[in-house]
């Protein structure tokens, strides 16, 4: 009788262990899927971080280029102001010369008219 009892007890333990193994197997599969999903998410996030670093470098390069262009613009504006001042001086000189030329021409015209 002890043998039958022991045999039933062993069968019960075997069934319990099979249930436990089956349960652990299912948990293992769930954890593998979660692990794979987490790894994929990690890879996507890493790609995003790398992309952000590239964009950050791009932004730094663009800011640097912007500063260069602003400096170049200031230089050109300064040179333009110098040219404007030169033009104003030349324009005044031309006006003075034209006024003087017209005065001389008027005198010549009036002399020529007096001779006739």
PDB file of N, CA and C in Angstrom:
ATOM      1  N   UNK A   1       0.809  -1.179   0.000  1.00  0.00           N
ATOM      2  CA  UNK A   1       0.000   0.000   0.000  1.00  0.00           C
ATOM      3  C   UNK A   1       0.865   1.260   0.000  1.00  0.00           C
ATOM      4  N   UNK A   2       1.939   1.170   0.678  1.00  0.00           N
ATOM      5  CA  UNK A   2       2.870   2.290   0.672  1.00  0.00           C
ATOM      6  C   UNK A   2       3.417   2.542  -0.735  1.00  0.00           C
ATOM      7  N   UNK A   3       3.578   1.449  -1.443  1.00  0.00           N
ATOM      8  CA  UNK A   3       4.099   1.583  -2.801  1.00  0.00           C
ATOM      9  C   UNK A   3       3.103   2.341  -3.696  1.00  0.00           C
ATOM     10  N   UNK A   4       1.847   2.020  -3.620  1.00  0.00           N
ATOM     11  CA  UNK A   4       0.802   2.664  -4.409  1.00  0.00           C
ATOM     12  C   UNK A   4       0.696   4.128  -3.998  1.00  0.00           C
ATOM     13  N   UNK A   5       0.741   4.355  -2.702  1.00  0.00           N
ATOM     14  CA  UNK A   5       0.677   5.725  -2.184  1.00  0.00           C
ATOM     15  C   UNK A   5       1.877   6.528  -2.713  1.00  0.00           C
ATOM     16  N   UNK A   6       3.059   5.957  -2.623  1.00  0.00           N
ATOM     17  CA  UNK A   6       4.271   6.634  -3.109  1.00  0.00           C
ATOM     18  C   UNK A   6       4.184   6.881  -4.619  1.00  0.00           C
ATOM     19  N   UNK A   7       3.636   5.888  -5.319  1.00  0.00           N
ATOM     20  CA  UNK A   7       3.510   6.010  -6.772  1.00  0.00           C
ATOM     21  C   UNK A   7       2.555   7.150  -7.121  1.00  0.00           C
ATOM     22  N   UNK A   8       1.424   7.242  -6.443  1.00  0.00           N
ATOM     23  CA  UNK A   8       0.462   8.319  -6.685  1.00  0.00           C
ATOM     24  C   UNK A   8       1.072   9.670  -6.326  1.00  0.00           C
ATOM     25  N   UNK A   9       1.804   9.675  -5.241  1.00  0.00           N
ATOM     26  CA  UNK A   9       2.469  10.906  -4.783  1.00  0.00           C
ATOM     27  C   UNK A   9       3.482  11.352  -5.839  1.00  0.00           C
ATOM     28  N   UNK A  10       4.237  10.438  -6.393  1.00  0.00           N
ATOM     29  CA  UNK A  10       5.230  10.760  -7.428  1.00  0.00           C
ATOM     30  C   UNK A  10       4.541  11.266  -8.697  1.00  0.00           C
ATOM     31  N   UNK A  11       3.426  10.607  -9.083  1.00  0.00           N
ATOM     32  CA  UNK A  11       2.687  11.050 -10.265  1.00  0.00           C
ATOM     33  C   UNK A  11       2.151  12.467 -10.059  1.00  0.00           C
ATOM     34  N   UNK A  12       1.661  12.724  -8.871  1.00  0.00           N
ATOM     35  CA  UNK A  12       1.132  14.055  -8.546  1.00  0.00           C
ATOM     36  C   UNK A  12       2.257  15.090  -8.637  1.00  0.00           C
ATOM     37  N   UNK A  13       3.414  14.785  -8.064  1.00  0.00           N
ATOM     38  CA  UNK A  13       4.564  15.693  -8.118  1.00  0.00           C
ATOM     39  C   UNK A  13       5.011  15.897  -9.567  1.00  0.00           C
ATOM     40  N   UNK A  14       4.977  14.792 -10.331  1.00  0.00           N
ATOM     41  CA  UNK A  14       5.361  14.883 -11.745  1.00  0.00           C
ATOM     42  C   UNK A  14       4.410  15.799 -12.505  1.00  0.00           C
ATOM     43  N   UNK A  15       3.115  15.656 -12.274  1.00  0.00           N
ATOM     44  CA  UNK A  15       2.132  16.517 -12.930  1.00  0.00           C
ATOM     45  C   UNK A  15       2.306  17.965 -12.484  1.00  0.00           C
ATOM     46  N   UNK A  16       2.536  18.166 -11.196  1.00  0.00           N
ATOM     47  CA  UNK A  16       2.767  19.530 -10.684  1.00  0.00           C
ATOM     48  C   UNK A  16       4.014  20.139 -11.331  1.00  0.00           C
ATOM     49  N   UNK A  17       5.062  19.346 -11.448  1.00  0.00           N
ATOM     50  CA  UNK A  17       6.311  19.829 -12.046  1.00  0.00           C
ATOM     51  C   UNK A  17       6.128  20.115 -13.529  1.00  0.00           C
ATOM     52  N   UNK A  18       5.366  19.243 -14.220  1.00  0.00           N
ATOM     53  CA  UNK A  18       5.084  19.499 -15.635  1.00  0.00           C
ATOM     54  C   UNK A  18       4.307  20.809 -15.790  1.00  0.00           C
ATOM     55  N   UNK A  19       3.352  21.010 -14.919  1.00  0.00           N
ATOM     56  CA  UNK A  19       2.593  22.273 -14.928  1.00  0.00           C
ATOM     57  C   UNK A  19       3.508  23.454 -14.660  1.00  0.00           C
ATOM     58  N   UNK A  20       4.400  23.292 -13.694  1.00  0.00           N
ATOM     59  CA  UNK A  20       5.371  24.348 -13.356  1.00  0.00           C
ATOM     60  C   UNK A  20       6.296  24.624 -14.537  1.00  0.00           C
ATOM     61  N   UNK A  21       6.800  23.544 -15.168  1.00  0.00           N
ATOM     62  CA  UNK A  21       7.693  23.687 -16.327  1.00  0.00           C
ATOM     63  C   UNK A  21       6.949  24.382 -17.455  1.00  0.00           C
ATOM     64  N   UNK A  22       5.714  23.964 -17.698  1.00  0.00           N
ATOM     65  CA  UNK A  22       4.908  24.584 -18.751  1.00  0.00           C
ATOM     66  C   UNK A  22       4.700  26.075 -18.464  1.00  0.00           C
ATOM     67  N   UNK A  23       4.387  26.378 -17.231  1.00  0.00           N
ATOM     68  CA  UNK A  23       4.183  27.761 -16.811  1.00  0.00           C
ATOM     69  C   UNK A  23       5.476  28.572 -16.985  1.00  0.00           C
ATOM     70  N   UNK A  24       6.602  28.002 -16.564  1.00  0.00           N
ATOM     71  CA  UNK A  24       7.899  28.675 -16.709  1.00  0.00           C
ATOM     72  C   UNK A  24       8.254  28.853 -18.183  1.00  0.00           C
ATOM     73  N   UNK A  25       7.920  27.852 -18.994  1.00  0.00           N
ATOM     74  CA  UNK A  25       8.184  27.930 -20.433  1.00  0.00           C
ATOM     75  C   UNK A  25       7.406  29.103 -21.052  1.00  0.00           C
ATOM     76  N   UNK A  26       6.142  29.233 -20.686  1.00  0.00           N
ATOM     77  CA  UNK A  26       5.321  30.338 -21.181  1.00  0.00           C
ATOM     78  C   UNK A  26       5.871  31.682 -20.707  1.00  0.00           C
ATOM     79  N   UNK A  27       6.250  31.767 -19.449  1.00  0.00           N
ATOM     80  CA  UNK A  27       6.849  33.003 -18.918  1.00  0.00           C
ATOM     81  C   UNK A  27       8.130  33.330 -19.664  1.00  0.00           C
ATOM     82  N   UNK A  28       8.919  32.288 -19.937  1.00  0.00           N
ATOM     83  CA  UNK A  28      10.171  32.474 -20.672  1.00  0.00           C
ATOM     84  C   UNK A  28       9.888  33.043 -22.061  1.00  0.00           C
ATOM     85  N   UNK A  29       8.883  32.522 -22.743  1.00  0.00           N
ATOM     86  CA  UNK A  29       8.535  33.002 -24.081  1.00  0.00           C
ATOM     87  C   UNK A  29       8.060  34.460 -24.020  1.00  0.00           C
ATOM     88  N   UNK A  30       7.248  34.783 -23.013  1.00  0.00           N
ATOM     89  CA  UNK A  30       6.779  36.158 -22.846  1.00  0.00           C
ATOM     90  C   UNK A  30       7.958  37.083 -22.600  1.00  0.00           C
ATOM     91  N   UNK A  31       8.867  36.669 -21.729  1.00  0.00           N
ATOM     92  CA  UNK A  31      10.036  37.487 -21.425  1.00  0.00           C
ATOM     93  C   UNK A  31      10.939  37.650 -22.646  1.00  0.00           C
ATOM     94  N   UNK A  32      11.055  36.599 -23.459  1.00  0.00           N
ATOM     95  CA  UNK A  32      11.858  36.710 -24.694  1.00  0.00           C
ATOM     96  C   UNK A  32      11.239  37.726 -25.646  1.00  0.00           C
ATOM     97  N   UNK A  33       9.898  37.654 -25.778  1.00  0.00           N
ATOM     98  CA  UNK A  33       9.230  38.636 -26.644  1.00  0.00           C
ATOM     99  C   UNK A  33       9.423  40.047 -26.106  1.00  0.00           C
ATOM    100  N   UNK A  34       9.274  40.216 -24.798  1.00  0.00           N
ATOM    101  CA  UNK A  34       9.479  41.537 -24.192  1.00  0.00           C
ATOM    102  C   UNK A  34      10.924  41.987 -24.375  1.00  0.00           C
ATOM    103  N   UNK A  35      11.853  41.042 -24.207  1.00  0.00           N
ATOM    104  CA  UNK A  35      13.270  41.367 -24.384  1.00  0.00           C
ATOM    105  C   UNK A  35      13.563  41.797 -25.813  1.00  0.00           C
ATOM    106  N   UNK A  36      12.990  41.068 -26.776  1.00  0.00           N
ATOM    107  CA  UNK A  36      13.182  41.410 -28.184  1.00  0.00           C
ATOM    108  C   UNK A  36      12.570  42.773 -28.477  1.00  0.00           C
ATOM    109  N   UNK A  37      11.370  43.000 -27.948  1.00  0.00           N
ATOM    110  CA  UNK A  37      10.702  44.283 -28.134  1.00  0.00           C
ATOM    111  C   UNK A  37      11.521  45.410 -27.504  1.00  0.00           C
ATOM    112  N   UNK A  38      12.042  45.164 -26.318  1.00  0.00           N
ATOM    113  CA  UNK A  38      12.867  46.183 -25.636  1.00  0.00           C
ATOM    114  C   UNK A  38      14.151  46.448 -26.428  1.00  0.00           C
ATOM    115  N   UNK A  39      14.729  45.410 -26.988  1.00  0.00           N
ATOM    116  CA  UNK A  39      15.953  45.571 -27.785  1.00  0.00           C
ATOM    117  C   UNK A  39      15.667  46.384 -29.045  1.00  0.00           C
ATOM    118  N   UNK A  40      14.541  46.099 -29.692  1.00  0.00           N
ATOM    119  CA  UNK A  40      14.147  46.860 -30.882  1.00  0.00           C
ATOM    120  C   UNK A  40      13.906  48.322 -30.523  1.00  0.00           C
ATOM    121  N   UNK A  41      13.227  48.536 -29.408  1.00  0.00           N
ATOM    122  CA  UNK A  41      12.973  49.916 -28.956  1.00  0.00           C
ATOM    123  C   UNK A  41      14.284  50.625 -28.643  1.00  0.00           C
ATOM    124  N   UNK A  42      15.183  49.914 -28.002  1.00  0.00           N
ATOM    125  CA  UNK A  42      16.499  50.474 -27.678  1.00  0.00           C
ATOM    126  C   UNK A  42      17.233  50.869 -28.960  1.00  0.00           C
ATOM    127  N   UNK A  43      17.178  50.012 -29.977  1.00  0.00           N
ATOM    128  CA  UNK A  43      17.832  50.316 -31.250  1.00  0.00           C
ATOM    129  C   UNK A  43      17.205  51.536 -31.917  1.00  0.00           C
ATOM    130  N   UNK A  44      15.857  51.621 -31.876  1.00  0.00           N
ATOM    131  CA  UNK A  44      15.187  52.792 -32.448  1.00  0.00           C
ATOM    132  C   UNK A  44      15.593  54.065 -31.715  1.00  0.00           C
ATOM    133  N   UNK A  45      15.629  53.992 -30.381  1.00  0.00           N
ATOM    134  CA  UNK A  45      16.022  55.164 -29.593  1.00  0.00           C
ATOM    135  C   UNK A  45      17.469  55.557 -29.877  1.00  0.00           C
ATOM    136  N   UNK A  46      18.324  54.567 -30.040  1.00  0.00           N
ATOM    137  CA  UNK A  46      19.727  54.836 -30.366  1.00  0.00           C
ATOM    138  C   UNK A  46      19.827  55.522 -31.723  1.00  0.00           C
ATOM    139  N   UNK A  47      19.041  55.059 -32.685  1.00  0.00           N
ATOM    140  CA  UNK A  47      19.024  55.709 -33.999  1.00  0.00           C
ATOM    141  C   UNK A  47      18.542  57.148 -33.881  1.00  0.00           C
ATOM    142  N   UNK A  48      17.510  57.367 -33.061  1.00  0.00           N
ATOM    143  CA  UNK A  48      17.004  58.726 -32.858  1.00  0.00           C
ATOM    144  C   UNK A  48      18.067  59.615 -32.224  1.00  0.00           C
ATOM    145  N   UNK A  49      18.770  59.077 -31.231  1.00  0.00           N
ATOM    146  CA  UNK A  49      19.827  59.842 -30.561  1.00  0.00           C
ATOM    147  C   UNK A  49      20.922  60.190 -31.567  1.00  0.00           C
ATOM    148  N   UNK A  50      21.316  59.215 -32.382  1.00  0.00           N
ATOM    149  CA  UNK A  50      22.342  59.475 -33.403  1.00  0.00           C
ATOM    150  C   UNK A  50      21.867  60.524 -34.392  1.00  0.00           C
ATOM    151  N   UNK A  51      20.597  60.428 -34.772  1.00  0.00           N
ATOM    152  CA  UNK A  51      20.025  61.412 -35.687  1.00  0.00           C
ATOM    153  C   UNK A  51      20.024  62.796 -35.042  1.00  0.00           C
ATOM    154  N   UNK A  52      19.707  62.845 -33.748  1.00  0.00           N
ATOM    155  CA  UNK A  52      19.706  64.124 -33.039  1.00  0.00           C
ATOM    156  C   UNK A  52      21.112  64.706 -32.972  1.00  0.00           C
ATOM    157  N   UNK A  53      22.114  63.846 -32.784  1.00  0.00           N
ATOM    158  CA  UNK A  53      23.503  64.324 -32.761  1.00  0.00           C
ATOM    159  C   UNK A  53      23.883  64.890 -34.122  1.00  0.00           C
ATOM    160  N   UNK A  54      23.464  64.207 -35.182  1.00  0.00           N
ATOM    161  CA  UNK A  54      23.745  64.710 -36.522  1.00  0.00           C
ATOM    162  C   UNK A  54      23.072  66.057 -36.732  1.00  0.00           C
ATOM    163  N   UNK A  55      21.816  66.166 -36.292  1.00  0.00           N
ATOM    164  CA  UNK A  55      21.094  67.431 -36.447  1.00  0.00           C
ATOM    165  C   UNK A  55      21.739  68.514 -35.598  1.00  0.00           C
ATOM    166  N   UNK A  56      22.206  68.134 -34.416  1.00  0.00           N
ATOM    167  CA  UNK A  56      22.880  69.098 -33.541  1.00  0.00           C
ATOM    168  C   UNK A  56      24.145  69.627 -34.218  1.00  0.00           C
ATOM    169  N   UNK A  57      24.914  68.720 -34.841  1.00  0.00           N
ATOM    170  CA  UNK A  57      26.116  69.145 -35.563  1.00  0.00           C
ATOM    171  C   UNK A  57      25.740  70.032 -36.758  1.00  0.00           C
ATOM    172  N   UNK A  58      24.649  69.678 -37.406  1.00  0.00           N
ATOM    173  CA  UNK A  58      24.169  70.474 -38.523  1.00  0.00           C
ATOM    174  C   UNK A  58      23.789  71.874 -38.050  1.00  0.00           C
ATOM    175  N   UNK A  59      23.109  71.948 -36.906  1.00  0.00           N
ATOM    176  CA  UNK A  59      22.709  73.240 -36.343  1.00  0.00           C
ATOM    177  C   UNK A  59      23.943  74.066 -35.987  1.00  0.00           C
ATOM    178  N   UNK A  60      24.933  73.424 -35.384  1.00  0.00           N
ATOM    179  CA  UNK A  60      26.172  74.129 -35.026  1.00  0.00           C
ATOM    180  C   UNK A  60      26.845  74.667 -36.280  1.00  0.00           C
ATOM    181  N   UNK A  61      26.905  73.838 -37.330  1.00  0.00           N
ATOM    182  CA  UNK A  61      27.511  74.267 -38.595  1.00  0.00           C
ATOM    183  C   UNK A  61      26.737  75.440 -39.197  1.00  0.00           C
ATOM    184  N   UNK A  62      25.399  75.363 -39.143  1.00  0.00           N
ATOM    185  CA  UNK A  62      24.577  76.445 -39.694  1.00  0.00           C
ATOM    186  C   UNK A  62      24.753  77.733 -38.895  1.00  0.00           C
ATOM    187  N   UNK A  63      24.852  77.615 -37.573  1.00  0.00           N
ATOM    188  CA  UNK A  63      25.073  78.815 -36.748  1.00  0.00           C
ATOM    189  C   UNK A  63      26.425  79.441 -37.069  1.00  0.00           C
ATOM    190  N   UNK A  64      27.418  78.595 -37.257  1.00  0.00           N
ATOM    191  CA  UNK A  64      28.752  79.090 -37.606  1.00  0.00           C
ATOM    192  C   UNK A  64      28.711  79.809 -38.959  1.00  0.00           C
ATOM    193  N   UNK A  65      28.046  79.204 -39.930  1.00  0.00           N
ATOM    194  CA  UNK A  65      27.906  79.810 -41.260  1.00  0.00           C
ATOM    195  C   UNK A  65      27.144  81.125 -41.159  1.00  0.00           C
ATOM    196  N   UNK A  66      26.120  81.159 -40.299  1.00  0.00           N
ATOM    197  CA  UNK A  66      25.338  82.383 -40.109  1.00  0.00           C
ATOM    198  C   UNK A  66      26.220  83.504 -39.573  1.00  0.00           C
ATOM    199  N   UNK A  67      27.072  83.178 -38.581  1.00  0.00           N
ATOM    200  CA  UNK A  67      27.982  84.193 -38.034  1.00  0.00           C
ATOM    201  C   UNK A  67      28.939  84.704 -39.110  1.00  0.00           C
ATOM    202  N   UNK A  68      29.453  83.775 -39.923  1.00  0.00           N
ATOM    203  CA  UNK A  68      30.353  84.174 -41.005  1.00  0.00           C
ATOM    204  C   UNK A  68      29.639  85.125 -41.963  1.00  0.00           C
ATOM    205  N   UNK A  69      28.411  84.785 -42.317  1.00  0.00           N
ATOM    206  CA  UNK A  69      27.650  85.629 -43.240  1.00  0.00           C
ATOM    207  C   UNK A  69      27.312  86.982 -42.617  1.00  0.00           C
ATOM    208  N   UNK A  70      26.998  86.995 -41.322  1.00  0.00           N
ATOM    209  CA  UNK A  70      26.727  88.268 -40.646  1.00  0.00           C
ATOM    210  C   UNK A  70      27.972  89.153 -40.636  1.00  0.00           C
ATOM    211  N   UNK A  71      29.130  88.536 -40.368  1.00  0.00           N
ATOM    212  CA  UNK A  71      30.376  89.294 -40.384  1.00  0.00           C
ATOM    213  C   UNK A  71      30.669  89.826 -41.784  1.00  0.00           C
ATOM    214  N   UNK A  72      30.447  88.991 -42.777  1.00  0.00           N
ATOM    215  CA  UNK A  72      30.668  89.408 -44.161  1.00  0.00           C
ATOM    216  C   UNK A  72      29.710  90.536 -44.523  1.00  0.00           C
ATOM    217  N   UNK A  73      28.459  90.425 -44.057  1.00  0.00           N
ATOM    218  CA  UNK A  73      27.465  91.463 -44.320  1.00  0.00           C
ATOM    219  C   UNK A  73      27.904  92.794 -43.702  1.00  0.00           C
ATOM    220  N   UNK A  74      28.389  92.759 -42.452  1.00  0.00           N
ATOM    221  CA  UNK A  74      28.866  93.983 -41.796  1.00  0.00           C
ATOM    222  C   UNK A  74      30.021  94.604 -42.582  1.00  0.00           C
ATOM    223  N   UNK A  75      30.911  93.758 -43.059  1.00  0.00           N
ATOM    224  CA  UNK A  75      32.055  94.240 -43.838  1.00  0.00           C
ATOM    225  C   UNK A  75      31.574  94.904 -45.125  1.00  0.00           C
ATOM    226  N   UNK A  76      30.655  94.262 -45.828  1.00  0.00           N
ATOM    227  CA  UNK A  76      30.132  94.806 -47.081  1.00  0.00           C
ATOM    228  C   UNK A  76      29.367  96.100 -46.816  1.00  0.00           C
ATOM    229  N   UNK A  77      28.590  96.145 -45.735  1.00  0.00           N
ATOM    230  CA  UNK A  77      27.848  97.365 -45.401  1.00  0.00           C
ATOM    231  C   UNK A  77      28.809  98.509 -45.097  1.00  0.00           C
ATOM    232  N   UNK A  78      29.896  98.200 -44.410  1.00  0.00           N
ATOM    233  CA  UNK A  78      30.904  99.213 -44.107  1.00  0.00           C
ATOM    234  C   UNK A  78      31.543  99.736 -45.392  1.00  0.00           C
ATOM    235  N   UNK A  79      31.903  98.818 -46.280  1.00  0.00           N
ATOM    236  CA  UNK A  79      32.490  99.224 -47.562  1.00  0.00           C
ATOM    237  C   UNK A  79      31.488 100.026 -48.394  1.00  0.00           C
ATOM    238  N   UNK A  80      30.222  99.627 -48.339  1.00  0.00           N
ATOM    239  CA  UNK A  80      29.171 100.344 -49.063  1.00  0.00           C
ATOM    240  C   UNK A  80      29.027 101.767 -48.525  1.00  0.00           C
ATOM    241  N   UNK A  81      29.114 101.928 -47.221  1.00  0.00           N
ATOM    242  CA  UNK A  81      29.008 103.266 -46.618  1.00  0.00           C
ATOM    243  C   UNK A  81      30.177 104.148 -47.075  1.00  0.00           C
ATOM    244  N   UNK A  82      31.360 103.568 -47.138  1.00  0.00           N
ATOM    245  CA  UNK A  82      32.534 104.315 -47.626  1.00  0.00           C
ATOM    246  C   UNK A  82      32.306 104.750 -49.071  1.00  0.00           C
ATOM    247  N   UNK A  83      31.789 103.832 -49.893  1.00  0.00           N
ATOM    248  CA  UNK A  83      31.517 104.168 -51.298  1.00  0.00           C
ATOM    249  C   UNK A  83      30.419 105.222 -51.418  1.00  0.00           C
ATOM    250  N   UNK A  84      29.413 105.175 -50.561  1.00  0.00           N
ATOM    251  CA  UNK A  84      28.352 106.195 -50.575  1.00  0.00           C
ATOM    252  C   UNK A  84      28.933 107.586 -50.283  1.00  0.00           C
ATOM    253  N   UNK A  85      29.799 107.642 -49.271  1.00  0.00           N
ATOM    254  CA  UNK A  85      30.413 108.927 -48.912  1.00  0.00           C
ATOM    255  C   UNK A  85      31.273 109.448 -50.051  1.00  0.00           C
ATOM    256  N   UNK A  86      32.031 108.550 -50.692  1.00  0.00           N
ATOM    257  CA  UNK A  86      32.849 108.954 -51.849  1.00  0.00           C
ATOM    258  C   UNK A  86      31.953 109.456 -52.977  1.00  0.00           C
ATOM    259  N   UNK A  87      30.869 108.735 -53.218  1.00  0.00           N
ATOM    260  CA  UNK A  87      29.948 109.143 -54.270  1.00  0.00           C
ATOM    261  C   UNK A  87      29.366 110.518 -53.964  1.00  0.00           C
ATOM    262  N   UNK A  88      28.979 110.761 -52.706  1.00  0.00           N
ATOM    263  CA  UNK A  88      28.420 112.070 -52.332  1.00  0.00           C
ATOM    264  C   UNK A  88      29.449 113.173 -52.587  1.00  0.00           C
ATOM    265  N   UNK A  89      30.702 112.933 -52.219  1.00  0.00           N
ATOM    266  CA  UNK A  89      31.758 113.918 -52.454  1.00  0.00           C
ATOM    267  C   UNK A  89      31.939 114.171 -53.951  1.00  0.00           C
ATOM    268  N   UNK A  90      31.990 113.062 -54.709  1.00  0.00           N
ATOM    269  CA  UNK A  90      32.152 113.205 -56.158  1.00  0.00           C
ATOM    270  C   UNK A  90      30.952 113.909 -56.772  1.00  0.00           C
ATOM    271  N   UNK A  91      29.766 113.610 -56.284  1.00  0.00           N
ATOM    272  CA  UNK A  91      28.557 114.242 -56.791  1.00  0.00           C
ATOM    273  C   UNK A  91      28.592 115.748 -56.522  1.00  0.00           C
ATOM    274  N   UNK A  92      29.046 116.137 -55.347  1.00  0.00           N
ATOM    275  CA  UNK A  92      29.174 117.567 -55.013  1.00  0.00           C
ATOM    276  C   UNK A  92      30.205 118.232 -55.914  1.00  0.00           C
ATOM    277  N   UNK A  93      31.316 117.539 -56.122  1.00  0.00           N
ATOM    278  CA  UNK A  93      32.362 118.101 -56.989  1.00  0.00           C
ATOM    279  C   UNK A  93      31.857 118.265 -58.420  1.00  0.00           C
ATOM    280  N   UNK A  94      31.143 117.257 -58.914  1.00  0.00           N
ATOM    281  CA  UNK A  94      30.577 117.338 -60.267  1.00  0.00           C
ATOM    282  C   UNK A  94      29.579 118.477 -60.340  1.00  0.00           C
ATOM    283  N   UNK A  95      28.746 118.617 -59.317  1.00  0.00           N
ATOM    284  CA  UNK A  95      27.770 119.724 -59.301  1.00  0.00           C
ATOM    285  C   UNK A  95      28.492 121.068 -59.340  1.00  0.00           C
ATOM    286  N   UNK A  96      29.548 121.179 -58.526  1.00  0.00           N
ATOM    287  CA  UNK A  96      30.317 122.429 -58.513  1.00  0.00           C
ATOM    288  C   UNK A  96      30.941 122.685 -59.879  1.00  0.00           C
ATOM    289  N   UNK A  97      31.519 121.631 -60.477  1.00  0.00           N
ATOM    290  CA  UNK A  97      32.124 121.785 -61.801  1.00  0.00           C
ATOM    291  C   UNK A  97      31.088 122.146 -62.846  1.00  0.00           C
ATOM    292  N   UNK A  98      29.916 121.524 -62.775  1.00  0.00           N
ATOM    293  CA  UNK A  98      28.852 121.852 -63.725  1.00  0.00           C
ATOM    294  C   UNK A  98      28.398 123.292 -63.554  1.00  0.00           C
ATOM    295  N   UNK A  99      28.264 123.711 -62.294  1.00  0.00           N
ATOM    296  CA  UNK A  99      27.861 125.090 -62.022  1.00  0.00           C
ATOM    297  C   UNK A  99      28.919 126.049 -62.570  1.00  0.00           C
ATOM    298  N   UNK A 100      30.178 125.737 -62.291  1.00  0.00           N
ATOM    299  CA  UNK A 100      31.270 126.580 -62.806  1.00  0.00           C
ATOM    300  C   UNK A 100      31.312 126.557 -64.314  1.00  0.00           C
ATOM    301  N   UNK A 101      31.121 125.420 -64.925  1.00  0.00           N
ATOM    302  CA  UNK A 101      31.138 125.303 -66.379  1.00  0.00           C
ATOM    303  C   UNK A 101      29.998 126.091 -66.992  1.00  0.00           C
ATOM    304  N   UNK A 102      28.820 125.987 -66.367  1.00  0.00           N
ATOM    305  CA  UNK A 102      27.660 126.734 -66.873  1.00  0.00           C
ATOM    306  C   UNK A 102      27.901 128.230 -66.754  1.00  0.00           C
ATOM    307  N   UNK A 103      28.531 128.652 -65.671  1.00  0.00           N
ATOM    308  CA  UNK A 103      28.829 130.073 -65.472  1.00  0.00           C
ATOM    309  C   UNK A 103      29.795 130.539 -66.552  1.00  0.00           C
ATOM    310  N   UNK A 104      30.840 129.758 -66.791  1.00  0.00           N
ATOM    311  CA  UNK A 104      31.823 130.106 -67.821  1.00  0.00           C
ATOM    312  C   UNK A 104      31.153 130.093 -69.197  1.00  0.00           C
ATOM    313  N   UNK A 105      30.337 129.123 -69.453  1.00  0.00           N
ATOM    314  CA  UNK A 105      29.653 129.010 -70.739  1.00  0.00           C
ATOM    315  C   UNK A 105      28.704 130.192 -70.922  1.00  0.00           C
ATOM    316  N   UNK A 106      28.009 130.577 -69.846  1.00  0.00           N
ATOM    317  CA  UNK A 106      27.108 131.725 -69.924  1.00  0.00           C
ATOM    318  C   UNK A 106      27.888 132.998 -70.238  1.00  0.00           C
ATOM    319  N   UNK A 107      29.048 133.154 -69.605  1.00  0.00           N
ATOM    320  CA  UNK A 107      29.887 134.332 -69.875  1.00  0.00           C
ATOM    321  C   UNK A 107      30.360 134.330 -71.319  1.00  0.00           C
ATOM    322  N   UNK A 108      30.768 133.145 -71.799  1.00  0.00           N
ATOM    323  CA  UNK A 108      31.216 133.033 -73.191  1.00  0.00           C
ATOM    324  C   UNK A 108      30.069 133.338 -74.149  1.00  0.00           C
ATOM    325  N   UNK A 109      28.885 132.842 -73.813  1.00  0.00           N
ATOM    326  CA  UNK A 109      27.722 133.078 -74.663  1.00  0.00           C
ATOM    327  C   UNK A 109      27.370 134.572 -74.685  1.00  0.00           C
ATOM    328  N   UNK A 110      27.446 135.203 -73.521  1.00  0.00           N
ATOM    329  CA  UNK A 110      27.104 136.622 -73.483  1.00  0.00           C
ATOM    330  C   UNK A 110      28.169 137.445 -74.192  1.00  0.00           C
ATOM    331  N   UNK A 111      29.438 137.044 -74.147  1.00  0.00           N
ATOM    332  CA  UNK A 111      30.502 137.732 -74.882  1.00  0.00           C
ATOM    333  C   UNK A 111      30.281 137.571 -76.384  1.00  0.00           C
ATOM    334  N   UNK A 112      29.932 136.350 -76.765  1.00  0.00           N
ATOM    335  CA  UNK A 112      29.705 136.091 -78.182  1.00  0.00           C
ATOM    336  C   UNK A 112      28.475 136.864 -78.686  1.00  0.00           C
ATOM    337  N   UNK A 113      27.474 137.003 -77.833  1.00  0.00           N
ATOM    338  CA  UNK A 113      26.269 137.739 -78.227  1.00  0.00           C
ATOM    339  C   UNK A 113      26.580 139.235 -78.296  1.00  0.00           C
ATOM    340  N   UNK A 114      27.457 139.729 -77.454  1.00  0.00           N
ATOM    341  CA  UNK A 114      27.820 141.153 -77.453  1.00  0.00           C
ATOM    342  C   UNK A 114      28.645 141.470 -78.696  1.00  0.00           C
ATOM    343  N   UNK A 115      29.386 140.543 -79.237  1.00  0.00           N
ATOM    344  CA  UNK A 115      30.208 140.758 -80.416  1.00  0.00           C
ATOM    345  C   UNK A 115      29.381 140.843 -81.673  1.00  0.00           C
ATOM    346  N   UNK A 116      28.240 140.257 -81.665  1.00  0.00           N
ATOM    347  CA  UNK A 116      27.420 140.200 -82.871  1.00  0.00           C
ATOM    348  C   UNK A 116      26.740 141.483 -83.092  1.00  0.00           C
TER     349      UNK A 116
END
